[in-house]
Every structure is written in structure tokens, then in C-alpha cells.
Amino acid sequence: MPAPNLLEVDSMNVWFPTRTGILQRTSGFVKAVTGVSFSVGPGKTVGLVGESGSGKTTVGKAILKLIPITSGTIRFAGVDITPLSGLEFRPWRRQFQMIFQDPFGSLNPRWTILQIISEPLKIHFPELSRRQREERVAQLLQKVGLSPEHRYRFPHEFSGGQRQRIGIARALAVEPKLIVCDEVVSALDVSVQAQIVNLLQDLQDELGLSYLFISHDLAVVEHISHDVVVMFRGQIVEKADAVSIYTHPQHDYTRNLLASVPSLD
């Protein structure tokens, strides 16, 4: 029998109120995400694609409870985490991590790499000593292709690709099961993009990670994803395995997206 899904999103809506007048009364809603449903299996990658403003990042943040959802259900490992408050959700927080689009803006420029990666360890593994945290950081840096000596440097001393590797190491620190990758290679050179994507695949094979890979780059999504979900104006217009999406797209919007990918032809 197939393994149960790690993440299940069912009929999720994320609406933001618009307020007018002196009293700032709610006059309507911006429906950023409407009726979104999909799942992510253990050790699998689901590519979430669409143009800018389609609601992709909103979905990712809502799953991590960084923004509230209006209605719908989010289940993780079979448990409904939708109604959990911030305090109730804290024990679950280490199961979800996010790698952000901007590899520089997401790192505190005043902290060393050791401080940046150690911070989640202090929160989720308070029993670790300072020496144990340092050893853990050194191991994580090696795992993402950096030198342990790099932990004493600051973010501005690294290239964009190296900073994204640091972001990956920080995400791995708490041993998550699901990582939301939000446009993680869009700000990088093409050659560096390939290195980061290959690193993510190697880590998935080694650690059994699941990814929600958010991107507008269909070529990258095709390379890394097992399944693809296509979003347009806050709604899912098509979802299928990656091969079917790229060889036999069913929706006009999906076909237009594929047609817009540059090629040497």
C-alpha cells in the first residue's frame, strides 16, 4: 500500500480584508487563495508553479502558519493542525521549515553563520550544550558543501549561492520533515541554480525530506518535482505528475506557461 501523505491541504482559502473609512470597517476581501487542495507524500517534491501574484507564496506561508487561513483544513502526518494556536503549534514548528527567495535578506547581517544556524537549535534543542551546537553547525555546513571554518564569518562575506546554502543548513538544523522552498534559485545565476537544485535532491535522497517547491521557473520545476500543481489567480487550475503536466497539459493556462519557457529552438 502507498504511504500516507505527509501534508494534506483541503479547500484552503486565504482572504485578506480591505478596510475603508475612518473606522476602518471591512468593506470586502482580497481573495488571495481560494479552494486550494493538494497533498505532499513522504520523500516527494511537489512543484507549485504560476506567474507572480498567483498565490504561490501565500499558500506556502499559510501552511507554515505564518499567515492565518480563512477556512479549510491543513493536516500534517494525519493530524489536523489548522485550529492550533501559536503556543500549541510550537512543538510542530520544527517539522516545517522554509528556505526563502532572498539569500541575503533572510540572514541577519549582524550575526555570524554560527549564530544564525545555532538559533533554531537553542529553541528546539535546549538540552544541547554550546559545544554540541557548534559541532552540529559544523556538520550542517559540511552537509551543504561549505567549510566548517565558515561558521565564524558574516553573511556579506559569501556569494549568493553560498548564502543560499547557509539558508538550507539553517532549515536542516531542526531535522524537519517538510521544507517549503520559496523561489530558492530565482535570484541565482543559472550555473549556481543547478548546484542548489542538485544539493536539494541529494539531501532529499539522504534524509527522506519532502519539499513544496514554489517557483515560476518551469524548467527547474520539471527537473526536481514528482508532481506539479499549477495556480492561476489564487486557484489551482491543474495538478498531475510532472511527466503528464509537461507532455500532456490539459488547461490552457498550463499550455501558455509551457509555451513561455525560453528555448534554444
Protein backbone atom coordinates (compact mmCIF):
# COMPACT_ATOMS: atom_id res chain seq x y z
CA MET A 1 0.00 0.00 0.00
CA PRO A 2 1.23 3.53 -0.71
CA ALA A 3 2.49 5.54 2.27
CA PRO A 4 0.01 8.09 3.67
CA ASN A 5 0.59 11.69 2.68
CA LEU A 6 2.78 13.80 4.91
CA LEU A 7 0.89 17.01 4.14
CA GLU A 8 -2.73 17.40 3.05
CA VAL A 9 -4.28 20.75 2.22
CA ASP A 10 -8.06 20.66 1.75
CA SER A 11 -10.19 23.55 0.41
CA MET A 12 -7.91 26.21 1.84
CA ASN A 13 -8.97 29.86 1.50
CA VAL A 14 -6.79 32.82 2.41
CA TRP A 15 -8.67 36.11 2.17
CA PHE A 16 -7.35 39.47 3.32
CA PRO A 17 -9.90 42.09 4.44
CA THR A 18 -9.95 45.52 2.81
CA ARG A 19 -10.86 48.36 5.16
CA THR A 20 -12.29 51.80 4.38
CA GLY A 21 -13.43 54.88 6.23
CA ILE A 22 -12.30 56.49 9.45
CA LEU A 23 -13.38 53.46 11.47
CA GLN A 24 -11.55 51.11 9.10
CA ARG A 25 -14.54 48.86 8.67
CA THR A 26 -14.21 45.80 6.48
CA SER A 27 -15.64 46.60 3.07
CA GLY A 28 -14.57 43.48 1.21
CA PHE A 29 -11.88 40.87 0.80
CA VAL A 30 -8.86 40.25 -1.42
CA LYS A 31 -9.19 36.56 -2.25
CA ALA A 32 -5.51 35.66 -2.47
CA VAL A 33 -6.13 31.88 -2.34
CA THR A 34 -9.43 30.12 -2.95
CA GLY A 35 -10.30 26.44 -2.64
CA VAL A 36 -6.74 25.09 -2.81
CA SER A 37 -6.36 21.34 -2.25
CA PHE A 38 -3.27 19.16 -2.77
CA SER A 39 -1.02 16.75 -0.91
CA VAL A 40 2.69 16.04 -0.49
CA GLY A 41 3.88 12.49 0.04
CA PRO A 42 6.82 11.48 2.24
CA GLY A 43 10.13 11.94 0.45
CA LYS A 44 8.42 13.61 -2.51
CA THR A 45 8.60 17.04 -4.14
CA VAL A 46 5.52 18.91 -5.27
CA GLY A 47 6.19 21.84 -7.58
CA LEU A 48 3.83 24.80 -7.10
CA VAL A 49 4.00 26.96 -10.22
CA GLY A 50 2.32 30.05 -11.59
CA GLU A 51 3.02 33.63 -12.53
CA SER A 52 3.78 36.37 -10.00
CA GLY A 53 0.70 37.15 -7.92
CA SER A 54 -0.92 33.77 -8.44
CA GLY A 55 -0.88 32.99 -4.69
CA LYS A 56 2.01 30.53 -4.54
CA THR A 57 3.94 32.14 -1.70
CA THR A 58 0.71 32.79 0.22
CA VAL A 59 0.00 29.05 0.15
CA GLY A 60 3.48 28.28 1.47
CA LYS A 61 3.23 30.80 4.31
CA ALA A 62 -0.26 29.62 5.24
CA ILE A 63 0.93 26.02 5.54
CA LEU A 64 3.65 27.15 7.95
CA LYS A 65 1.04 29.22 9.83
CA LEU A 66 2.96 32.41 9.15
CA ILE A 67 -0.33 33.91 7.98
CA PRO A 68 -3.82 32.80 9.07
CA ILE A 69 -6.14 30.92 6.75
CA THR A 70 -9.76 31.98 6.34
CA SER A 71 -11.15 28.46 6.00
CA GLY A 72 -10.13 24.96 5.03
CA THR A 73 -8.00 22.25 6.61
CA ILE A 74 -4.27 21.57 6.86
CA ARG A 75 -3.26 18.10 8.05
CA PHE A 76 0.29 17.06 8.81
CA ALA A 77 1.06 13.37 9.31
CA GLY A 78 -2.68 12.81 9.65
CA VAL A 79 -3.17 15.44 12.37
CA ASP A 80 -5.35 18.49 11.79
CA ILE A 81 -3.09 21.43 12.69
CA THR A 82 -5.49 24.11 11.43
CA PRO A 83 -7.02 25.11 14.79
CA LEU A 84 -3.75 25.12 16.75
CA SER A 85 -2.77 28.41 18.37
CA GLY A 86 0.77 29.75 18.20
CA LEU A 87 1.71 28.15 21.50
CA GLU A 88 0.02 24.85 20.61
CA PHE A 89 1.73 24.81 17.23
CA ARG A 90 5.21 25.38 18.64
CA PRO A 91 6.04 21.66 19.13
CA TRP A 92 5.13 21.17 15.46
CA ARG A 93 7.21 24.10 14.25
CA ARG A 94 10.39 22.07 13.87
CA GLN A 95 8.62 19.72 11.44
CA PHE A 96 8.16 22.60 8.96
CA GLN A 97 10.91 24.84 7.67
CA MET A 98 11.19 27.42 4.89
CA ILE A 99 14.01 28.45 2.58
CA PHE A 100 13.45 31.99 1.37
CA GLN A 101 13.90 33.61 -2.01
CA ASP A 102 16.41 36.27 -0.98
CA PRO A 103 19.56 34.51 0.27
CA PHE A 104 20.89 37.75 1.79
CA GLY A 105 17.77 39.41 3.18
CA SER A 106 16.80 36.22 5.06
CA LEU A 107 20.09 36.17 7.03
CA ASN A 108 20.82 38.57 9.89
CA PRO A 109 23.80 40.63 8.64
CA ARG A 110 24.99 41.30 12.20
CA TRP A 111 25.22 37.66 13.18
CA THR A 112 27.90 35.15 12.31
CA ILE A 113 26.88 31.99 10.48
CA LEU A 114 27.35 30.13 13.76
CA GLN A 115 24.79 32.38 15.47
CA ILE A 116 22.34 32.14 12.56
CA ILE A 117 22.29 28.35 12.44
CA SER A 118 22.55 27.93 16.23
CA GLU A 119 19.43 30.00 16.94
CA PRO A 120 16.88 27.31 15.97
CA LEU A 121 18.97 24.75 17.86
CA LYS A 122 18.68 26.84 21.03
CA ILE A 123 14.90 27.00 20.65
CA HIS A 124 14.12 23.40 19.71
CA PHE A 125 17.04 21.54 21.33
CA PRO A 126 17.68 23.44 24.59
CA GLU A 127 19.39 20.42 26.06
CA LEU A 128 22.38 20.85 23.73
CA SER A 129 25.49 22.46 25.16
CA ARG A 130 27.29 25.30 23.38
CA ARG A 131 29.99 22.89 22.21
CA GLN A 132 27.39 20.46 20.86
CA ARG A 133 25.68 23.27 18.95
CA GLU A 134 28.98 24.32 17.41
CA GLU A 135 29.69 20.75 16.35
CA ARG A 136 26.19 20.46 14.87
CA VAL A 137 26.67 23.68 12.89
CA ALA A 138 30.00 22.44 11.53
CA GLN A 139 28.34 19.19 10.40
CA LEU A 140 25.49 21.06 8.72
CA LEU A 141 27.88 23.33 6.82
CA GLN A 142 29.77 20.30 5.53
CA LYS A 143 26.49 18.68 4.51
CA VAL A 144 25.58 21.65 2.30
CA GLY A 145 29.04 21.90 0.72
CA LEU A 146 30.67 24.59 2.87
CA SER A 147 33.66 24.51 5.20
CA PRO A 148 33.19 24.29 8.99
CA GLU A 149 35.51 27.32 9.29
CA HIS A 150 32.86 29.39 7.53
CA ARG A 151 30.78 29.45 10.70
CA TYR A 152 32.79 32.35 12.09
CA ARG A 153 32.14 34.62 9.09
CA PHE A 154 29.29 37.03 8.34
CA PRO A 155 26.71 36.76 5.52
CA HIS A 156 28.23 39.59 3.45
CA GLU A 157 31.42 37.54 3.04
CA PHE A 158 29.63 34.92 0.91
CA SER A 159 28.30 34.76 -2.63
CA GLY A 160 24.59 34.39 -3.35
CA GLY A 161 24.87 30.65 -3.88
CA GLN A 162 26.83 30.20 -0.66
CA ARG A 163 24.27 32.25 1.28
CA GLN A 164 21.51 30.04 -0.04
CA ARG A 165 23.47 27.01 1.17
CA ILE A 166 23.59 28.64 4.60
CA GLY A 167 19.82 29.09 4.44
CA ILE A 168 19.47 25.39 3.63
CA ALA A 169 21.73 24.48 6.56
CA ARG A 170 19.59 26.60 8.89
CA ALA A 171 16.45 24.83 7.65
CA LEU A 172 18.04 21.42 8.22
CA ALA A 173 19.19 22.27 11.75
CA VAL A 174 15.95 21.20 13.45
CA GLU A 175 15.62 17.99 11.39
CA PRO A 176 12.35 18.88 9.62
CA LYS A 177 10.22 16.52 7.56
CA LEU A 178 8.85 19.18 5.18
CA ILE A 179 10.67 22.16 3.69
CA VAL A 180 8.89 24.90 1.77
CA CYS A 181 11.29 26.21 -0.90
CA ASP A 182 10.08 29.67 -1.94
CA GLU A 183 11.74 30.67 -5.23
CA VAL A 184 15.05 29.46 -3.79
CA VAL A 185 17.01 29.70 -7.05
CA SER A 186 15.35 32.63 -8.83
CA ALA A 187 17.95 35.15 -7.59
CA LEU A 188 20.93 32.97 -8.57
CA ASP A 189 22.96 32.51 -11.74
CA VAL A 190 21.96 29.57 -13.92
CA SER A 191 25.06 27.51 -13.09
CA VAL A 192 24.53 28.12 -9.37
CA GLN A 193 20.83 27.24 -9.71
CA ALA A 194 21.80 23.77 -10.93
CA GLN A 195 24.14 23.28 -7.96
CA ILE A 196 21.46 24.24 -5.44
CA VAL A 197 18.80 22.05 -7.09
CA ASN A 198 21.20 19.09 -7.15
CA LEU A 199 22.03 19.72 -3.48
CA LEU A 200 18.33 19.70 -2.56
CA GLN A 201 17.84 16.42 -4.42
CA ASP A 202 20.86 14.83 -2.70
CA LEU A 203 19.56 15.93 0.72
CA GLN A 204 16.13 14.53 -0.11
CA ASP A 205 17.62 11.15 -1.00
CA GLU A 206 19.79 11.12 2.12
CA LEU A 207 17.32 12.44 4.69
CA GLY A 208 13.95 11.49 3.19
CA LEU A 209 12.80 15.12 3.05
CA SER A 210 9.59 16.32 1.44
CA TYR A 211 9.57 19.61 -0.47
CA LEU A 212 6.94 22.08 -1.55
CA PHE A 213 8.93 23.74 -4.31
CA ILE A 214 7.45 27.13 -5.20
CA SER A 215 8.71 28.61 -8.45
CA HIS A 216 7.77 30.36 -11.68
CA ASP A 217 10.66 28.63 -13.48
CA LEU A 218 9.08 25.63 -15.17
CA ALA A 219 12.42 24.21 -16.30
CA VAL A 220 13.64 23.96 -12.69
CA VAL A 221 10.30 22.58 -11.50
CA GLU A 222 10.38 19.87 -14.16
CA HIS A 223 13.85 18.80 -13.04
CA ILE A 224 13.11 18.49 -9.32
CA SER A 225 9.39 17.70 -8.94
CA HIS A 226 7.49 14.42 -8.74
CA ASP A 227 4.12 16.18 -9.02
CA VAL A 228 3.16 19.66 -10.20
CA VAL A 229 0.35 21.97 -9.08
CA VAL A 230 -0.45 24.92 -11.38
CA MET A 231 -2.00 28.05 -9.85
CA PHE A 232 -3.73 30.96 -11.57
CA ARG A 233 -5.31 33.92 -9.76
CA GLY A 234 -5.35 32.14 -6.41
CA GLN A 235 -6.83 28.87 -7.65
CA ILE A 236 -5.48 25.54 -8.80
CA VAL A 237 -6.18 25.02 -12.48
CA GLU A 238 -4.30 21.76 -12.96
CA LYS A 239 -2.37 19.17 -10.96
CA ALA A 240 -0.78 15.92 -12.06
CA ASP A 241 2.51 14.07 -12.05
CA ALA A 242 5.35 16.03 -13.63
CA VAL A 243 5.57 13.89 -16.77
CA SER A 244 1.88 14.34 -17.55
CA ILE A 245 1.99 18.09 -16.96
CA TYR A 246 4.91 18.61 -19.31
CA THR A 247 3.89 16.18 -22.03
CA HIS A 248 0.08 16.47 -21.99
CA PRO A 249 -1.05 19.70 -20.27
CA GLN A 250 -4.82 19.88 -20.01
CA HIS A 251 -5.50 23.52 -19.14
CA ASP A 252 -4.94 26.46 -21.47
CA TYR A 253 -3.06 28.37 -18.78
CA THR A 254 -0.64 25.47 -18.28
CA ARG A 255 -0.05 25.29 -22.02
CA ASN A 256 0.62 29.03 -22.12
CA LEU A 257 3.09 28.74 -19.24
CA LEU A 258 4.95 25.97 -21.01
CA ALA A 259 4.96 27.92 -24.26
CA SER A 260 6.54 30.90 -22.49
CA VAL A 261 9.63 28.95 -21.40
CA PRO A 262 12.65 30.15 -23.45
CA SER A 263 14.33 27.52 -25.58
CA LEU A 264 17.28 27.37 -27.94
CA ASP A 265 14.88 26.47 -30.76
